[in-house]
């Protein structure tokens, strides 16, 4: 994954984390939804990460994102 993609992914993950702390913030809810939409594209560029998750944890990106959405009630 390129450095630019890493920075983007970390920014999106930070937004999702902030929503976990401040669940009633409607601005963060919208930003977290956008982050969850953007993350698959960014992470799929880093195919090594996806292969690692699938091989070692038998989990797909969609499952991870679905679980995050459920936890945050998005």
N, C-alpha and C. Protein backbone atom coordinates (compact mmCIF):
# COMPACT_ATOMS: atom_id res chain seq x y z
N UNK A 1 0.85 -1.16 0.00
CA UNK A 1 0.00 0.00 0.00
C UNK A 1 0.90 1.23 0.00
N UNK A 2 0.56 2.18 -0.81
CA UNK A 2 1.37 3.39 -0.91
C UNK A 2 1.25 4.22 0.37
N UNK A 3 2.19 5.11 0.57
CA UNK A 3 2.17 5.97 1.75
C UNK A 3 0.92 6.85 1.74
N UNK A 4 0.55 7.32 0.56
CA UNK A 4 -0.64 8.17 0.43
C UNK A 4 -1.89 7.39 0.86
N UNK A 5 -2.01 6.14 0.40
CA UNK A 5 -3.16 5.31 0.77
C UNK A 5 -3.14 5.00 2.27
N UNK A 6 -1.97 4.78 2.82
CA UNK A 6 -1.86 4.52 4.26
C UNK A 6 -2.39 5.71 5.06
N UNK A 7 -2.00 6.90 4.65
CA UNK A 7 -2.46 8.10 5.35
C UNK A 7 -3.97 8.26 5.24
N UNK A 8 -4.51 7.98 4.05
CA UNK A 8 -5.96 8.08 3.86
C UNK A 8 -6.69 7.07 4.75
N UNK A 9 -6.21 5.84 4.76
CA UNK A 9 -6.84 4.79 5.55
C UNK A 9 -6.79 5.15 7.04
N UNK A 10 -5.66 5.63 7.51
CA UNK A 10 -5.53 6.01 8.92
C UNK A 10 -6.47 7.16 9.28
N UNK A 11 -6.62 8.09 8.37
CA UNK A 11 -7.53 9.22 8.59
C UNK A 11 -8.97 8.72 8.73
N UNK A 12 -9.35 7.79 7.86
CA UNK A 12 -10.70 7.24 7.92
C UNK A 12 -10.90 6.43 9.20
N UNK A 13 -9.92 5.65 9.57
CA UNK A 13 -10.02 4.86 10.81
C UNK A 13 -10.11 5.77 12.03
N UNK A 14 -9.39 6.87 12.00
CA UNK A 14 -9.45 7.84 13.10
C UNK A 14 -10.86 8.41 13.22
N UNK A 15 -11.47 8.73 12.10
CA UNK A 15 -12.83 9.26 12.10
C UNK A 15 -13.80 8.24 12.71
N UNK A 16 -13.66 6.99 12.32
CA UNK A 16 -14.52 5.93 12.86
C UNK A 16 -14.30 5.80 14.36
N UNK A 17 -13.05 5.86 14.79
CA UNK A 17 -12.74 5.79 16.21
C UNK A 17 -13.34 6.94 17.00
N UNK A 18 -13.32 8.13 16.45
CA UNK A 18 -13.91 9.29 17.12
C UNK A 18 -15.41 9.11 17.31
N UNK A 19 -16.06 8.51 16.31
CA UNK A 19 -17.49 8.27 16.44
C UNK A 19 -17.76 7.26 17.55
N UNK A 20 -16.87 6.31 17.74
CA UNK A 20 -17.03 5.35 18.82
C UNK A 20 -17.05 6.03 20.18
N UNK A 21 -16.38 7.16 20.32
CA UNK A 21 -16.32 7.91 21.57
C UNK A 21 -17.49 8.88 21.68
N UNK A 22 -17.88 9.47 20.56
CA UNK A 22 -18.92 10.51 20.55
C UNK A 22 -20.03 10.08 19.59
N UNK A 23 -20.82 9.09 20.00
CA UNK A 23 -21.82 8.48 19.12
C UNK A 23 -22.97 9.40 18.74
N UNK A 24 -23.20 10.45 19.49
CA UNK A 24 -24.34 11.33 19.22
C UNK A 24 -23.99 12.47 18.28
N UNK A 25 -22.76 12.53 17.83
CA UNK A 25 -22.32 13.62 16.96
C UNK A 25 -22.73 13.29 15.52
N UNK A 26 -23.75 14.01 15.02
CA UNK A 26 -24.28 13.70 13.68
C UNK A 26 -23.25 13.97 12.58
N UNK A 27 -22.37 14.95 12.78
CA UNK A 27 -21.32 15.21 11.78
C UNK A 27 -20.37 14.02 11.70
N UNK A 28 -20.00 13.47 12.86
CA UNK A 28 -19.11 12.31 12.86
C UNK A 28 -19.79 11.09 12.27
N UNK A 29 -21.10 10.95 12.49
CA UNK A 29 -21.82 9.81 11.92
C UNK A 29 -21.73 9.83 10.40
N UNK A 30 -21.95 10.99 9.82
CA UNK A 30 -21.87 11.11 8.36
C UNK A 30 -20.44 10.87 7.87
N UNK A 31 -19.48 11.43 8.57
CA UNK A 31 -18.08 11.24 8.18
C UNK A 31 -17.67 9.77 8.30
N UNK A 32 -18.15 9.09 9.34
CA UNK A 32 -17.83 7.67 9.53
C UNK A 32 -18.46 6.82 8.43
N UNK A 33 -19.67 7.15 8.04
CA UNK A 33 -20.31 6.44 6.94
C UNK A 33 -19.50 6.61 5.65
N UNK A 34 -19.06 7.82 5.40
CA UNK A 34 -18.22 8.07 4.22
C UNK A 34 -16.91 7.31 4.31
N UNK A 35 -16.34 7.26 5.50
CA UNK A 35 -15.08 6.52 5.71
C UNK A 35 -15.27 5.04 5.42
N UNK A 36 -16.38 4.49 5.89
CA UNK A 36 -16.65 3.07 5.65
C UNK A 36 -16.87 2.78 4.18
N UNK A 37 -17.38 3.76 3.45
CA UNK A 37 -17.53 3.61 2.00
C UNK A 37 -16.18 3.66 1.29
N UNK A 38 -15.27 4.50 1.79
CA UNK A 38 -13.98 4.69 1.13
C UNK A 38 -12.96 3.61 1.47
N UNK A 39 -13.02 3.07 2.66
CA UNK A 39 -11.98 2.12 3.11
C UNK A 39 -11.82 0.89 2.21
N UNK A 40 -12.89 0.28 1.74
CA UNK A 40 -12.68 -0.91 0.89
C UNK A 40 -11.81 -0.63 -0.33
N UNK A 41 -12.04 0.49 -0.96
CA UNK A 41 -11.26 0.84 -2.15
C UNK A 41 -9.79 1.02 -1.80
N UNK A 42 -9.55 1.73 -0.71
CA UNK A 42 -8.16 1.98 -0.30
C UNK A 42 -7.48 0.67 0.09
N UNK A 43 -8.16 -0.13 0.90
CA UNK A 43 -7.55 -1.36 1.40
C UNK A 43 -7.36 -2.41 0.32
N UNK A 44 -8.22 -2.41 -0.68
CA UNK A 44 -8.07 -3.39 -1.76
C UNK A 44 -6.81 -3.11 -2.59
N UNK A 45 -6.35 -1.87 -2.55
CA UNK A 45 -5.09 -1.55 -3.23
C UNK A 45 -3.92 -2.23 -2.53
N UNK A 46 -4.06 -2.43 -1.23
CA UNK A 46 -3.03 -3.15 -0.47
C UNK A 46 -3.42 -4.61 -0.40
N UNK A 47 -3.33 -5.31 -1.50
CA UNK A 47 -3.81 -6.69 -1.58
C UNK A 47 -3.12 -7.60 -0.58
N UNK A 48 -1.92 -7.28 -0.20
CA UNK A 48 -1.22 -8.11 0.78
C UNK A 48 -1.97 -8.17 2.10
N UNK A 49 -2.52 -7.05 2.53
CA UNK A 49 -3.28 -7.00 3.77
C UNK A 49 -4.52 -7.87 3.66
N UNK A 50 -5.22 -7.77 2.55
CA UNK A 50 -6.44 -8.55 2.38
C UNK A 50 -6.13 -10.05 2.35
N UNK A 51 -5.06 -10.43 1.68
CA UNK A 51 -4.67 -11.84 1.63
C UNK A 51 -4.30 -12.33 3.02
N UNK A 52 -3.62 -11.50 3.80
CA UNK A 52 -3.24 -11.86 5.17
C UNK A 52 -4.49 -12.10 6.03
N UNK A 53 -5.46 -11.19 5.95
CA UNK A 53 -6.68 -11.35 6.74
C UNK A 53 -7.42 -12.62 6.35
N UNK A 54 -7.50 -12.86 5.06
CA UNK A 54 -8.23 -14.04 4.59
C UNK A 54 -7.51 -15.32 4.99
N UNK A 55 -6.20 -15.35 4.85
CA UNK A 55 -5.43 -16.55 5.15
C UNK A 55 -5.38 -16.84 6.64
N UNK A 56 -5.09 -15.82 7.44
CA UNK A 56 -4.84 -16.05 8.86
C UNK A 56 -6.09 -15.93 9.74
N UNK A 57 -7.08 -15.22 9.28
CA UNK A 57 -8.27 -15.02 10.10
C UNK A 57 -9.55 -15.48 9.41
N UNK A 58 -9.43 -15.95 8.17
CA UNK A 58 -10.57 -16.39 7.38
C UNK A 58 -11.70 -15.36 7.42
N UNK A 59 -11.32 -14.11 7.18
CA UNK A 59 -12.29 -13.02 7.22
C UNK A 59 -12.10 -12.13 5.99
N UNK A 60 -13.20 -11.65 5.48
CA UNK A 60 -13.19 -10.78 4.31
C UNK A 60 -13.40 -9.33 4.76
N UNK A 61 -12.97 -8.39 3.96
CA UNK A 61 -13.11 -6.97 4.27
C UNK A 61 -14.57 -6.60 4.51
N UNK A 62 -15.46 -7.11 3.69
CA UNK A 62 -16.88 -6.79 3.85
C UNK A 62 -17.39 -7.19 5.23
N UNK A 63 -16.92 -8.32 5.74
CA UNK A 63 -17.33 -8.76 7.08
C UNK A 63 -16.83 -7.80 8.15
N UNK A 64 -15.60 -7.35 8.00
CA UNK A 64 -15.03 -6.41 8.96
C UNK A 64 -15.84 -5.12 8.97
N UNK A 65 -16.11 -4.58 7.80
CA UNK A 65 -16.85 -3.32 7.71
C UNK A 65 -18.28 -3.48 8.20
N UNK A 66 -18.91 -4.61 7.93
CA UNK A 66 -20.26 -4.85 8.43
C UNK A 66 -20.27 -4.86 9.95
N UNK A 67 -19.25 -5.49 10.54
CA UNK A 67 -19.17 -5.53 12.01
C UNK A 67 -18.97 -4.14 12.59
N UNK A 68 -18.15 -3.34 11.96
CA UNK A 68 -17.92 -1.97 12.43
C UNK A 68 -19.22 -1.18 12.34
N UNK A 69 -19.93 -1.31 11.22
CA UNK A 69 -21.19 -0.59 11.05
C UNK A 69 -22.20 -1.00 12.13
N UNK A 70 -22.26 -2.29 12.43
CA UNK A 70 -23.19 -2.76 13.46
C UNK A 70 -22.83 -2.19 14.83
N UNK A 71 -21.53 -2.18 15.15
CA UNK A 71 -21.11 -1.66 16.44
C UNK A 71 -21.43 -0.18 16.61
N UNK A 72 -21.33 0.56 15.51
CA UNK A 72 -21.58 2.01 15.56
C UNK A 72 -23.02 2.38 15.22
N UNK A 73 -23.84 1.36 14.98
CA UNK A 73 -25.24 1.59 14.62
C UNK A 73 -25.40 2.49 13.41
N UNK A 74 -24.62 2.24 12.38
CA UNK A 74 -24.71 3.05 11.15
C UNK A 74 -25.56 2.33 10.11
